[in-house]
Amino acid sequence: MSYPKSPPIPANHLNIMGYVDESEVNGPGCRAVVWVQGCTRACSGCFNPASWSFEINQLISIDTLAEKIASNPRNQGVTFSGGEPFWQAPGLANLARQLKAKGFNIMSFTGFTVEQLRAKGAPEGAQELLDQLDILIDGPYIESLAIHSPTSPVSSSNQRVHILNPEFENAISWASDQMEIHILKDGTRLVTGYRGQMTLAEL
């Protein structure tokens, strides 16, 4: 597996595209969402093409981000999206450990399959991050297999929902065609969910 060429990310930091609190369309319940920066796939119809570049966008300390997520009493969990979360697996695993210690649940999207993530040659720290996840949505978005359904938690039919923590067996409460609009403090709007091609606010 070829690794992307990207600027180095300082230790104990993440390179992210954006962040939002209190989302209800990116996993079960009310949760924070972290969109990481960087993806090699360039899928046709990608919801977030601004996330493809591996250039530094927003650098944030993992400790600072953990504190921010935990400071909102409505957040029950966090979802990692992107971009490709598993290209920053060690940093996200660190963030996940801190939040799980505070009672948060952890979910991630990935363009990899779970088999690829468990195979030799997987991105660095892939198993470390998998060990922290309660739910994983795997597989690249394939536009020709797109699903337009109010009951499907995935966006294309090749994608799969992996419940890695049995406590969440009956917690699939979101659907891929749901959308929500967040009005931020500076008046800008963030659209997330299906077709959420986003202009994401800086932290």
N, C-alpha and C. Protein backbone atom coordinates (compact mmCIF):
# COMPACT_ATOMS: atom_id res chain seq x y z
N MET A 1 0.85 -1.19 0.00
CA MET A 1 0.00 0.00 0.00
C MET A 1 0.89 1.24 0.00
N SER A 2 0.66 2.15 -0.94
CA SER A 2 1.49 3.36 -1.02
C SER A 2 0.98 4.41 -0.04
N TYR A 3 1.91 5.05 0.62
CA TYR A 3 1.56 6.07 1.59
C TYR A 3 1.58 7.44 0.93
N PRO A 4 0.67 8.32 1.31
CA PRO A 4 0.63 9.65 0.69
C PRO A 4 1.82 10.49 1.11
N LYS A 5 2.27 11.33 0.19
CA LYS A 5 3.31 12.29 0.51
C LYS A 5 2.63 13.53 1.08
N SER A 6 2.99 13.88 2.29
CA SER A 6 2.32 15.00 2.94
C SER A 6 3.29 15.69 3.89
N PRO A 7 3.05 16.96 4.18
CA PRO A 7 3.90 17.65 5.15
C PRO A 7 3.80 16.96 6.51
N PRO A 8 4.88 16.95 7.28
CA PRO A 8 4.82 16.31 8.60
C PRO A 8 3.84 17.02 9.52
N ILE A 9 3.12 16.23 10.28
CA ILE A 9 2.20 16.76 11.29
C ILE A 9 2.93 16.69 12.63
N PRO A 10 2.99 17.79 13.37
CA PRO A 10 3.70 17.77 14.65
C PRO A 10 3.14 16.71 15.59
N ALA A 11 3.98 16.20 16.45
CA ALA A 11 3.55 15.20 17.43
C ALA A 11 2.37 15.72 18.24
N ASN A 12 1.44 14.81 18.54
CA ASN A 12 0.27 15.12 19.37
C ASN A 12 -0.64 16.16 18.75
N HIS A 13 -0.66 16.22 17.42
CA HIS A 13 -1.54 17.13 16.70
C HIS A 13 -2.26 16.35 15.59
N LEU A 14 -3.36 16.92 15.11
CA LEU A 14 -4.06 16.43 13.94
C LEU A 14 -4.14 17.54 12.91
N ASN A 15 -4.19 17.16 11.65
CA ASN A 15 -4.43 18.09 10.55
C ASN A 15 -5.88 17.88 10.12
N ILE A 16 -6.75 18.83 10.41
CA ILE A 16 -8.17 18.64 10.15
C ILE A 16 -8.69 19.65 9.13
N MET A 17 -9.80 19.26 8.48
CA MET A 17 -10.51 20.15 7.58
C MET A 17 -11.53 20.97 8.34
N GLY A 18 -12.14 20.38 9.36
CA GLY A 18 -13.15 21.11 10.12
C GLY A 18 -13.73 20.29 11.25
N TYR A 19 -14.68 20.88 11.91
CA TYR A 19 -15.22 20.32 13.16
C TYR A 19 -16.61 20.91 13.37
N VAL A 20 -17.51 20.11 13.95
CA VAL A 20 -18.81 20.63 14.36
C VAL A 20 -19.27 19.87 15.61
N ASP A 21 -20.00 20.57 16.46
CA ASP A 21 -20.64 19.96 17.62
C ASP A 21 -22.09 19.60 17.29
N GLU A 22 -22.65 18.72 18.10
CA GLU A 22 -24.09 18.47 18.16
C GLU A 22 -24.68 18.02 16.82
N SER A 23 -23.98 17.18 16.10
CA SER A 23 -24.53 16.61 14.87
C SER A 23 -25.38 15.39 15.21
N GLU A 24 -26.48 15.23 14.47
CA GLU A 24 -27.34 14.07 14.65
C GLU A 24 -27.51 13.28 13.36
N VAL A 25 -26.67 13.57 12.33
CA VAL A 25 -26.76 12.85 11.06
C VAL A 25 -25.45 12.14 10.71
N ASN A 26 -24.53 12.08 11.65
CA ASN A 26 -23.22 11.46 11.41
C ASN A 26 -22.93 10.34 12.39
N GLY A 27 -23.99 9.64 12.81
CA GLY A 27 -23.83 8.56 13.77
C GLY A 27 -24.93 8.62 14.80
N PRO A 28 -24.92 7.68 15.76
CA PRO A 28 -26.00 7.60 16.73
C PRO A 28 -25.97 8.75 17.73
N GLY A 29 -27.15 9.28 18.03
CA GLY A 29 -27.26 10.31 19.05
C GLY A 29 -26.69 11.63 18.62
N CYS A 30 -26.35 12.43 19.61
CA CYS A 30 -25.80 13.78 19.39
C CYS A 30 -24.29 13.70 19.57
N ARG A 31 -23.53 14.20 18.57
CA ARG A 31 -22.10 13.94 18.60
C ARG A 31 -21.30 15.03 17.90
N ALA A 32 -20.04 15.09 18.27
CA ALA A 32 -19.09 15.93 17.55
C ALA A 32 -18.63 15.18 16.30
N VAL A 33 -18.23 15.94 15.28
CA VAL A 33 -17.67 15.35 14.07
C VAL A 33 -16.35 16.05 13.76
N VAL A 34 -15.33 15.24 13.50
CA VAL A 34 -14.01 15.75 13.11
C VAL A 34 -13.74 15.28 11.69
N TRP A 35 -13.57 16.24 10.77
CA TRP A 35 -13.20 15.91 9.39
C TRP A 35 -11.70 16.10 9.25
N VAL A 36 -10.98 15.02 9.02
CA VAL A 36 -9.53 15.13 8.87
C VAL A 36 -9.19 15.56 7.45
N GLN A 37 -7.99 16.09 7.28
CA GLN A 37 -7.51 16.57 5.99
C GLN A 37 -6.66 15.50 5.33
N GLY A 38 -6.95 15.18 4.07
CA GLY A 38 -6.10 14.28 3.31
C GLY A 38 -6.78 12.99 2.90
N CYS A 39 -6.82 12.74 1.59
CA CYS A 39 -7.35 11.48 1.06
C CYS A 39 -6.76 11.26 -0.33
N THR A 40 -6.42 10.01 -0.64
CA THR A 40 -5.80 9.69 -1.93
C THR A 40 -6.81 9.22 -2.98
N ARG A 41 -8.07 9.05 -2.63
CA ARG A 41 -9.00 8.33 -3.51
C ARG A 41 -9.62 9.18 -4.62
N ALA A 42 -9.95 10.43 -4.33
CA ALA A 42 -10.59 11.31 -5.32
C ALA A 42 -11.82 10.63 -5.94
N CYS A 43 -12.69 10.09 -5.10
CA CYS A 43 -13.88 9.39 -5.59
C CYS A 43 -14.81 10.34 -6.35
N SER A 44 -15.33 9.89 -7.47
CA SER A 44 -16.32 10.67 -8.20
C SER A 44 -17.55 10.87 -7.33
N GLY A 45 -18.02 12.12 -7.22
CA GLY A 45 -19.18 12.40 -6.39
C GLY A 45 -18.87 12.54 -4.92
N CYS A 46 -17.58 12.60 -4.56
CA CYS A 46 -17.18 12.76 -3.15
C CYS A 46 -17.90 13.94 -2.53
N PHE A 47 -18.33 13.77 -1.31
CA PHE A 47 -19.05 14.84 -0.61
C PHE A 47 -18.11 15.98 -0.21
N ASN A 48 -16.83 15.67 0.01
CA ASN A 48 -15.91 16.66 0.57
C ASN A 48 -14.60 16.72 -0.21
N PRO A 49 -14.63 17.15 -1.47
CA PRO A 49 -13.38 17.19 -2.24
C PRO A 49 -12.33 18.13 -1.66
N ALA A 50 -12.76 19.10 -0.87
CA ALA A 50 -11.78 20.00 -0.23
C ALA A 50 -10.90 19.25 0.76
N SER A 51 -11.29 18.04 1.11
CA SER A 51 -10.51 17.26 2.08
C SER A 51 -9.41 16.44 1.42
N TRP A 52 -9.29 16.44 0.11
CA TRP A 52 -8.34 15.54 -0.56
C TRP A 52 -6.89 15.92 -0.30
N SER A 53 -6.58 17.20 -0.33
CA SER A 53 -5.19 17.64 -0.21
C SER A 53 -4.61 17.25 1.15
N PHE A 54 -3.33 16.86 1.11
CA PHE A 54 -2.64 16.54 2.36
C PHE A 54 -1.87 17.75 2.91
N GLU A 55 -1.98 18.89 2.25
CA GLU A 55 -1.33 20.09 2.78
C GLU A 55 -1.94 20.44 4.14
N ILE A 56 -1.16 21.11 4.97
CA ILE A 56 -1.65 21.49 6.29
C ILE A 56 -2.82 22.47 6.14
N ASN A 57 -3.93 22.15 6.78
CA ASN A 57 -5.10 23.02 6.78
C ASN A 57 -5.24 23.64 8.17
N GLN A 58 -5.80 22.88 9.13
CA GLN A 58 -5.89 23.34 10.51
C GLN A 58 -5.14 22.35 11.39
N LEU A 59 -4.07 22.79 11.99
CA LEU A 59 -3.38 21.96 12.98
C LEU A 59 -4.00 22.22 14.35
N ILE A 60 -4.32 21.15 15.04
CA ILE A 60 -4.88 21.31 16.38
C ILE A 60 -4.30 20.25 17.30
N SER A 61 -3.99 20.65 18.50
CA SER A 61 -3.50 19.73 19.52
C SER A 61 -4.59 18.72 19.86
N ILE A 62 -4.19 17.46 19.98
CA ILE A 62 -5.15 16.41 20.34
C ILE A 62 -5.77 16.68 21.70
N ASP A 63 -4.96 17.13 22.66
CA ASP A 63 -5.50 17.45 23.99
C ASP A 63 -6.52 18.57 23.92
N THR A 64 -6.24 19.59 23.12
CA THR A 64 -7.17 20.72 22.97
C THR A 64 -8.48 20.26 22.36
N LEU A 65 -8.39 19.41 21.33
CA LEU A 65 -9.59 18.93 20.67
C LEU A 65 -10.41 18.04 21.60
N ALA A 66 -9.75 17.21 22.38
CA ALA A 66 -10.47 16.37 23.35
C ALA A 66 -11.21 17.23 24.35
N GLU A 67 -10.57 18.28 24.83
CA GLU A 67 -11.21 19.17 25.80
C GLU A 67 -12.41 19.88 25.16
N LYS A 68 -12.27 20.29 23.90
CA LYS A 68 -13.35 20.99 23.22
C LYS A 68 -14.57 20.09 23.06
N ILE A 69 -14.35 18.86 22.61
CA ILE A 69 -15.45 17.92 22.43
C ILE A 69 -16.15 17.65 23.76
N ALA A 70 -15.36 17.41 24.79
CA ALA A 70 -15.93 17.06 26.10
C ALA A 70 -16.60 18.24 26.78
N SER A 71 -16.28 19.47 26.36
CA SER A 71 -16.85 20.65 27.01
C SER A 71 -18.29 20.90 26.65
N ASN A 72 -18.78 20.27 25.57
CA ASN A 72 -20.17 20.44 25.17
C ASN A 72 -21.00 19.31 25.79
N PRO A 73 -21.90 19.62 26.73
CA PRO A 73 -22.62 18.57 27.43
C PRO A 73 -23.59 17.78 26.55
N ARG A 74 -23.90 18.30 25.36
CA ARG A 74 -24.80 17.57 24.47
C ARG A 74 -24.08 16.49 23.67
N ASN A 75 -22.78 16.62 23.51
CA ASN A 75 -22.04 15.61 22.76
C ASN A 75 -21.98 14.29 23.54
N GLN A 76 -22.44 13.22 22.90
CA GLN A 76 -22.37 11.88 23.51
C GLN A 76 -21.28 11.02 22.89
N GLY A 77 -20.85 11.41 21.70
CA GLY A 77 -19.84 10.64 21.00
C GLY A 77 -19.12 11.53 20.00
N VAL A 78 -18.24 10.91 19.23
CA VAL A 78 -17.51 11.64 18.18
C VAL A 78 -17.40 10.73 16.96
N THR A 79 -17.51 11.34 15.79
CA THR A 79 -17.35 10.63 14.52
C THR A 79 -16.16 11.21 13.78
N PHE A 80 -15.31 10.32 13.25
CA PHE A 80 -14.18 10.73 12.43
C PHE A 80 -14.56 10.54 10.96
N SER A 81 -14.39 11.59 10.18
CA SER A 81 -14.70 11.53 8.76
C SER A 81 -13.60 12.26 8.02
N GLY A 82 -13.84 12.59 6.77
CA GLY A 82 -12.73 13.24 6.06
C GLY A 82 -13.06 13.61 4.64
N GLY A 83 -11.96 13.53 3.88
CA GLY A 83 -10.65 12.94 4.14
C GLY A 83 -10.71 11.46 4.52
N GLU A 84 -9.54 10.93 4.79
CA GLU A 84 -9.43 9.54 5.22
C GLU A 84 -8.86 9.47 6.62
N PRO A 85 -9.73 9.15 7.61
CA PRO A 85 -9.26 9.11 9.00
C PRO A 85 -8.07 8.20 9.24
N PHE A 86 -7.97 7.08 8.52
CA PHE A 86 -6.92 6.12 8.85
C PHE A 86 -5.54 6.55 8.39
N TRP A 87 -5.41 7.63 7.61
CA TRP A 87 -4.08 8.18 7.35
C TRP A 87 -3.56 8.96 8.55
N GLN A 88 -4.43 9.24 9.53
CA GLN A 88 -4.00 9.86 10.79
C GLN A 88 -4.42 8.98 11.97
N ALA A 89 -4.34 7.67 11.76
CA ALA A 89 -4.83 6.72 12.76
C ALA A 89 -4.19 6.86 14.14
N PRO A 90 -2.86 7.02 14.26
CA PRO A 90 -2.31 7.11 15.62
C PRO A 90 -2.85 8.30 16.40
N GLY A 91 -2.95 9.46 15.74
CA GLY A 91 -3.46 10.64 16.44
C GLY A 91 -4.93 10.49 16.81
N LEU A 92 -5.73 9.91 15.91
CA LEU A 92 -7.14 9.71 16.22
C LEU A 92 -7.34 8.66 17.30
N ALA A 93 -6.48 7.65 17.34
CA ALA A 93 -6.55 6.66 18.42
C ALA A 93 -6.27 7.31 19.77
N ASN A 94 -5.31 8.21 19.80
CA ASN A 94 -5.01 8.96 21.01
C ASN A 94 -6.22 9.77 21.45
N LEU A 95 -6.83 10.50 20.50
CA LEU A 95 -8.02 11.29 20.80
C LEU A 95 -9.15 10.39 21.30
N ALA A 96 -9.34 9.24 20.63
CA ALA A 96 -10.40 8.32 21.02
C ALA A 96 -10.21 7.80 22.43
N ARG A 97 -8.98 7.45 22.78
CA ARG A 97 -8.73 6.95 24.14
C ARG A 97 -9.10 7.99 25.18
N GLN A 98 -8.72 9.23 24.95
CA GLN A 98 -9.04 10.29 25.91
C GLN A 98 -10.56 10.44 26.06
N LEU A 99 -11.28 10.38 24.94
CA LEU A 99 -12.72 10.58 25.00
C LEU A 99 -13.46 9.36 25.56
N LYS A 100 -12.98 8.17 25.25
CA LYS A 100 -13.62 6.97 25.82
C LYS A 100 -13.48 6.96 27.33
N ALA A 101 -12.37 7.47 27.84
CA ALA A 101 -12.18 7.55 29.28
C ALA A 101 -13.19 8.49 29.93
N LYS A 102 -13.77 9.38 29.12
CA LYS A 102 -14.78 10.32 29.61
C LYS A 102 -16.20 9.84 29.29
N GLY A 103 -16.33 8.62 28.73
CA GLY A 103 -17.64 8.04 28.49
C GLY A 103 -18.20 8.25 27.09
N PHE A 104 -17.40 8.76 26.16
CA PHE A 104 -17.87 8.99 24.80
C PHE A 104 -17.77 7.72 23.97
N ASN A 105 -18.70 7.58 23.00
CA ASN A 105 -18.58 6.51 22.02
C ASN A 105 -17.88 7.05 20.78
N ILE A 106 -17.27 6.14 20.00
CA ILE A 106 -16.41 6.53 18.89
C ILE A 106 -16.82 5.80 17.62
N MET A 107 -16.98 6.56 16.55
CA MET A 107 -17.34 6.01 15.24
C MET A 107 -16.42 6.60 14.19
N SER A 108 -16.17 5.85 13.12
CA SER A 108 -15.36 6.38 12.03
C SER A 108 -15.88 5.90 10.69
N PHE A 109 -15.74 6.76 9.69
CA PHE A 109 -15.89 6.37 8.29
C PHE A 109 -14.50 6.08 7.75
N THR A 110 -14.41 5.23 6.73
CA THR A 110 -13.14 4.99 6.04
C THR A 110 -13.41 4.52 4.63
N GLY A 111 -12.52 4.87 3.71
CA GLY A 111 -12.59 4.35 2.36
C GLY A 111 -11.93 2.99 2.22
N PHE A 112 -11.17 2.58 3.22
CA PHE A 112 -10.61 1.24 3.25
C PHE A 112 -11.70 0.24 3.64
N THR A 113 -11.47 -1.02 3.35
CA THR A 113 -12.31 -2.08 3.93
C THR A 113 -11.67 -2.51 5.24
N VAL A 114 -12.47 -3.10 6.11
CA VAL A 114 -11.93 -3.54 7.38
C VAL A 114 -10.86 -4.61 7.17
N GLU A 115 -11.00 -5.42 6.09
CA GLU A 115 -9.99 -6.43 5.79
C GLU A 115 -8.65 -5.77 5.44
N GLN A 116 -8.69 -4.68 4.68
CA GLN A 116 -7.46 -3.96 4.35
C GLN A 116 -6.82 -3.36 5.59
N LEU A 117 -7.66 -2.88 6.50
CA LEU A 117 -7.14 -2.25 7.70
C LEU A 117 -6.51 -3.26 8.66
N ARG A 118 -6.88 -4.52 8.52
CA ARG A 118 -6.33 -5.56 9.39
C ARG A 118 -5.21 -6.35 8.72
N ALA A 119 -4.92 -6.01 7.47
CA ALA A 119 -3.92 -6.75 6.70
C ALA A 119 -2.54 -6.12 6.86
N LYS A 120 -1.53 -6.90 6.51
CA LYS A 120 -0.18 -6.38 6.46
C LYS A 120 -0.13 -5.24 5.45
N GLY A 121 0.54 -4.17 5.79
CA GLY A 121 0.62 -3.03 4.89
C GLY A 121 -0.47 -2.00 5.11
N ALA A 122 -1.32 -2.19 6.12
CA ALA A 122 -2.35 -1.20 6.44
C ALA A 122 -1.68 0.09 6.91
N PRO A 123 -2.39 1.21 6.87
CA PRO A 123 -1.80 2.46 7.37
C PRO A 123 -1.31 2.30 8.81
N GLU A 124 -0.27 3.04 9.12
CA GLU A 124 0.30 3.01 10.47
C GLU A 124 -0.77 3.30 11.51
N GLY A 125 -0.84 2.46 12.53
CA GLY A 125 -1.77 2.68 13.63
C GLY A 125 -3.19 2.24 13.35
N ALA A 126 -3.43 1.55 12.22
CA ALA A 126 -4.80 1.17 11.86
C ALA A 126 -5.45 0.31 12.93
N GLN A 127 -4.74 -0.73 13.40
CA GLN A 127 -5.34 -1.60 14.41
C GLN A 127 -5.53 -0.86 15.72
N GLU A 128 -4.62 0.04 16.02
CA GLU A 128 -4.74 0.86 17.24
C GLU A 128 -6.03 1.66 17.23
N LEU A 129 -6.38 2.24 16.07
CA LEU A 129 -7.63 2.99 15.98
C LEU A 129 -8.83 2.06 15.97
N LEU A 130 -8.75 0.94 15.23
CA LEU A 130 -9.85 -0.01 15.22
C LEU A 130 -10.21 -0.46 16.63
N ASP A 131 -9.20 -0.65 17.47
CA ASP A 131 -9.43 -1.12 18.84
C ASP A 131 -10.26 -0.13 19.66
N GLN A 132 -10.29 1.13 19.24
CA GLN A 132 -11.01 2.16 19.99
C GLN A 132 -12.43 2.39 19.48
N LEU A 133 -12.76 1.83 18.31
CA LEU A 133 -14.03 2.16 17.66
C LEU A 133 -15.18 1.32 18.17
N ASP A 134 -16.34 1.96 18.29
CA ASP A 134 -17.59 1.26 18.56
C ASP A 134 -18.30 0.91 17.26
N ILE A 135 -18.18 1.79 16.26
CA ILE A 135 -18.82 1.58 14.96
C ILE A 135 -17.85 2.00 13.86
N LEU A 136 -17.79 1.23 12.78
CA LEU A 136 -16.99 1.57 11.61
C LEU A 136 -17.86 1.44 10.37
N ILE A 137 -17.84 2.46 9.51
CA ILE A 137 -18.44 2.39 8.18
C ILE A 137 -17.29 2.27 7.20
N ASP A 138 -17.21 1.15 6.46
CA ASP A 138 -16.05 0.96 5.59
C ASP A 138 -16.44 0.94 4.12
N GLY A 139 -15.43 1.15 3.27
CA GLY A 139 -15.60 1.09 1.83
C GLY A 139 -15.68 2.47 1.20
N PRO A 140 -15.10 2.62 0.00
CA PRO A 140 -15.15 3.92 -0.68
C PRO A 140 -16.55 4.24 -1.17
N TYR A 141 -16.83 5.54 -1.32
CA TYR A 141 -18.09 5.93 -1.94
C TYR A 141 -17.99 5.68 -3.44
N ILE A 142 -18.95 4.93 -3.99
CA ILE A 142 -19.00 4.64 -5.43
C ILE A 142 -20.29 5.24 -5.98
N GLU A 143 -20.13 6.26 -6.79
CA GLU A 143 -21.29 7.04 -7.25
C GLU A 143 -22.32 6.18 -7.97
N SER A 144 -21.86 5.20 -8.75
CA SER A 144 -22.81 4.36 -9.50
C SER A 144 -23.60 3.43 -8.59
N LEU A 145 -23.15 3.26 -7.35
CA LEU A 145 -23.85 2.41 -6.38
C LEU A 145 -24.55 3.23 -5.30
N ALA A 146 -24.74 4.52 -5.56
CA ALA A 146 -25.31 5.43 -4.56
C ALA A 146 -26.70 4.95 -4.13
N ILE A 147 -26.96 5.11 -2.84
CA ILE A 147 -28.25 4.75 -2.25
C ILE A 147 -28.97 6.04 -1.86
N HIS A 148 -30.21 6.16 -2.27
CA HIS A 148 -31.02 7.32 -1.88
C HIS A 148 -32.20 6.77 -1.07
N SER A 149 -31.97 6.60 0.20
CA SER A 149 -32.98 5.94 1.04
C SER A 149 -33.00 6.58 2.42
N PRO A 150 -34.21 6.80 2.97
CA PRO A 150 -34.30 7.35 4.32
C PRO A 150 -33.99 6.34 5.41
N THR A 151 -33.67 5.10 5.03
CA THR A 151 -33.38 4.08 6.04
C THR A 151 -31.98 3.51 5.93
N SER A 152 -31.19 3.95 4.94
CA SER A 152 -29.84 3.37 4.78
C SER A 152 -28.80 4.20 5.51
N PRO A 153 -27.99 3.58 6.36
CA PRO A 153 -26.93 4.33 7.06
C PRO A 153 -25.68 4.52 6.21
N VAL A 154 -25.63 3.93 5.02
CA VAL A 154 -24.47 4.08 4.14
C VAL A 154 -24.89 4.78 2.86
N SER A 155 -23.90 5.37 2.16
CA SER A 155 -24.19 6.19 0.99
C SER A 155 -24.11 5.45 -0.32
N SER A 156 -23.37 4.33 -0.37
CA SER A 156 -23.35 3.49 -1.57
C SER A 156 -23.37 2.03 -1.13
N SER A 157 -23.93 1.18 -1.98
CA SER A 157 -24.28 -0.18 -1.53
C SER A 157 -23.09 -1.07 -1.22
N ASN A 158 -21.89 -0.69 -1.65
CA ASN A 158 -20.70 -1.47 -1.31
C ASN A 158 -20.24 -1.23 0.12
N GLN A 159 -20.68 -0.15 0.74
CA GLN A 159 -20.22 0.19 2.09
C GLN A 159 -20.93 -0.67 3.13
N ARG A 160 -20.24 -0.89 4.26
CA ARG A 160 -20.77 -1.76 5.31
C ARG A 160 -20.69 -1.08 6.67
N VAL A 161 -21.66 -1.42 7.52
CA VAL A 161 -21.66 -0.97 8.91
C VAL A 161 -21.12 -2.10 9.77
N HIS A 162 -20.04 -1.83 10.48
CA HIS A 162 -19.46 -2.82 11.40
C HIS A 162 -19.71 -2.36 12.83
N ILE A 163 -20.49 -3.12 13.57
CA ILE A 163 -20.73 -2.82 14.98
C ILE A 163 -19.63 -3.53 15.77
N LEU A 164 -18.67 -2.77 16.26
CA LEU A 164 -17.52 -3.35 16.95
C LEU A 164 -17.73 -3.44 18.46
N ASN A 165 -18.77 -2.79 18.93
CA ASN A 165 -19.15 -2.85 20.34
C ASN A 165 -20.61 -3.29 20.40
N PRO A 166 -20.91 -4.46 20.95
CA PRO A 166 -22.28 -4.98 20.95
C PRO A 166 -23.31 -4.04 21.58
N GLU A 167 -22.88 -3.12 22.41
CA GLU A 167 -23.81 -2.18 23.02
C GLU A 167 -24.51 -1.31 21.97
N PHE A 168 -23.93 -1.22 20.76
CA PHE A 168 -24.48 -0.35 19.72
C PHE A 168 -25.19 -1.14 18.62
N GLU A 169 -25.53 -2.39 18.92
CA GLU A 169 -26.17 -3.26 17.94
C GLU A 169 -27.47 -2.66 17.41
N ASN A 170 -28.19 -1.96 18.26
CA ASN A 170 -29.48 -1.38 17.85
C ASN A 170 -29.45 0.15 17.85
N ALA A 171 -28.28 0.69 17.56
CA ALA A 171 -28.11 2.15 17.67
C ALA A 171 -28.00 2.85 16.32
N ILE A 172 -28.36 2.17 15.23
CA ILE A 172 -28.28 2.80 13.92
C ILE A 172 -29.48 3.73 13.76
N SER A 173 -29.28 5.00 14.06
CA SER A 173 -30.38 5.96 14.11
C SER A 173 -30.25 7.03 13.05
N TRP A 174 -29.22 6.96 12.21
CA TRP A 174 -29.00 7.97 11.18
C TRP A 174 -29.26 7.35 9.81
N ALA A 175 -29.41 8.18 8.80
CA ALA A 175 -29.58 7.70 7.43
C ALA A 175 -28.74 8.55 6.49
N SER A 176 -28.28 7.94 5.40
CA SER A 176 -27.32 8.62 4.53
C SER A 176 -27.92 9.79 3.78
N ASP A 177 -29.26 9.88 3.71
CA ASP A 177 -29.84 11.00 2.97
C ASP A 177 -30.30 12.14 3.89
N GLN A 178 -29.96 12.07 5.16
CA GLN A 178 -30.30 13.16 6.07
C GLN A 178 -29.29 14.29 5.95
N MET A 179 -29.76 15.50 6.17
CA MET A 179 -28.88 16.66 6.15
C MET A 179 -29.21 17.54 7.34
N GLU A 180 -28.24 18.33 7.77
CA GLU A 180 -28.50 19.33 8.78
C GLU A 180 -27.66 20.56 8.48
N ILE A 181 -28.15 21.70 8.91
CA ILE A 181 -27.46 22.97 8.71
C ILE A 181 -27.12 23.55 10.07
N HIS A 182 -25.85 23.87 10.25
CA HIS A 182 -25.39 24.51 11.48
C HIS A 182 -25.08 25.97 11.16
N ILE A 183 -25.66 26.87 11.93
CA ILE A 183 -25.35 28.29 11.79
C ILE A 183 -24.33 28.64 12.87
N LEU A 184 -23.15 29.03 12.43
CA LEU A 184 -22.03 29.24 13.35
C LEU A 184 -22.04 30.66 13.91
N LYS A 185 -21.20 30.86 14.92
CA LYS A 185 -21.20 32.14 15.62
C LYS A 185 -20.91 33.33 14.71
N ASP A 186 -20.10 33.10 13.66
CA ASP A 186 -19.77 34.20 12.75
C ASP A 186 -20.81 34.37 11.65
N GLY A 187 -21.91 33.61 11.72
CA GLY A 187 -22.98 33.74 10.75
C GLY A 187 -22.87 32.81 9.55
N THR A 188 -21.73 32.13 9.39
CA THR A 188 -21.59 31.21 8.27
C THR A 188 -22.40 29.94 8.55
N ARG A 189 -22.73 29.25 7.47
CA ARG A 189 -23.52 28.03 7.58
C ARG A 189 -22.69 26.82 7.18
N LEU A 190 -22.91 25.73 7.88
CA LEU A 190 -22.23 24.47 7.59
C LEU A 190 -23.31 23.44 7.30
N VAL A 191 -23.22 22.82 6.14
CA VAL A 191 -24.17 21.78 5.75
C VAL A 191 -23.45 20.44 5.84
N THR A 192 -24.03 19.50 6.57
CA THR A 192 -23.42 18.18 6.70
C THR A 192 -24.50 17.12 6.57
N GLY A 193 -24.04 15.89 6.33
CA GLY A 193 -24.94 14.80 6.00
C GLY A 193 -24.80 14.49 4.52
N TYR A 194 -25.79 13.84 3.95
CA TYR A 194 -25.72 13.46 2.55
C TYR A 194 -25.59 14.69 1.65
N ARG A 195 -24.70 14.61 0.69
CA ARG A 195 -24.38 15.72 -0.21
C ARG A 195 -23.89 16.93 0.56
N GLY A 196 -23.31 16.67 1.74
CA GLY A 196 -22.80 17.78 2.54
C GLY A 196 -21.44 18.23 2.05
N GLN A 197 -21.38 18.88 0.90
CA GLN A 197 -20.12 19.41 0.39
C GLN A 197 -19.87 20.71 1.13
N MET A 198 -18.98 20.66 2.11
CA MET A 198 -19.00 21.60 3.21
C MET A 198 -17.99 22.70 3.11
N THR A 199 -18.39 23.87 3.59
CA THR A 199 -17.44 24.91 3.92
C THR A 199 -17.34 24.88 5.44
N LEU A 200 -16.24 24.36 5.94
CA LEU A 200 -16.14 24.08 7.36
C LEU A 200 -15.43 25.21 8.09
N ALA A 201 -15.96 25.58 9.22
CA ALA A 201 -15.40 26.67 10.01
C ALA A 201 -14.13 26.20 10.69
N GLU A 202 -13.23 27.17 10.89
CA GLU A 202 -12.04 26.88 11.67
C GLU A 202 -12.39 26.86 13.14
N LEU A 203 -11.60 26.14 13.90
CA LEU A 203 -11.82 26.06 15.34
C LEU A 203 -11.35 27.35 16.02
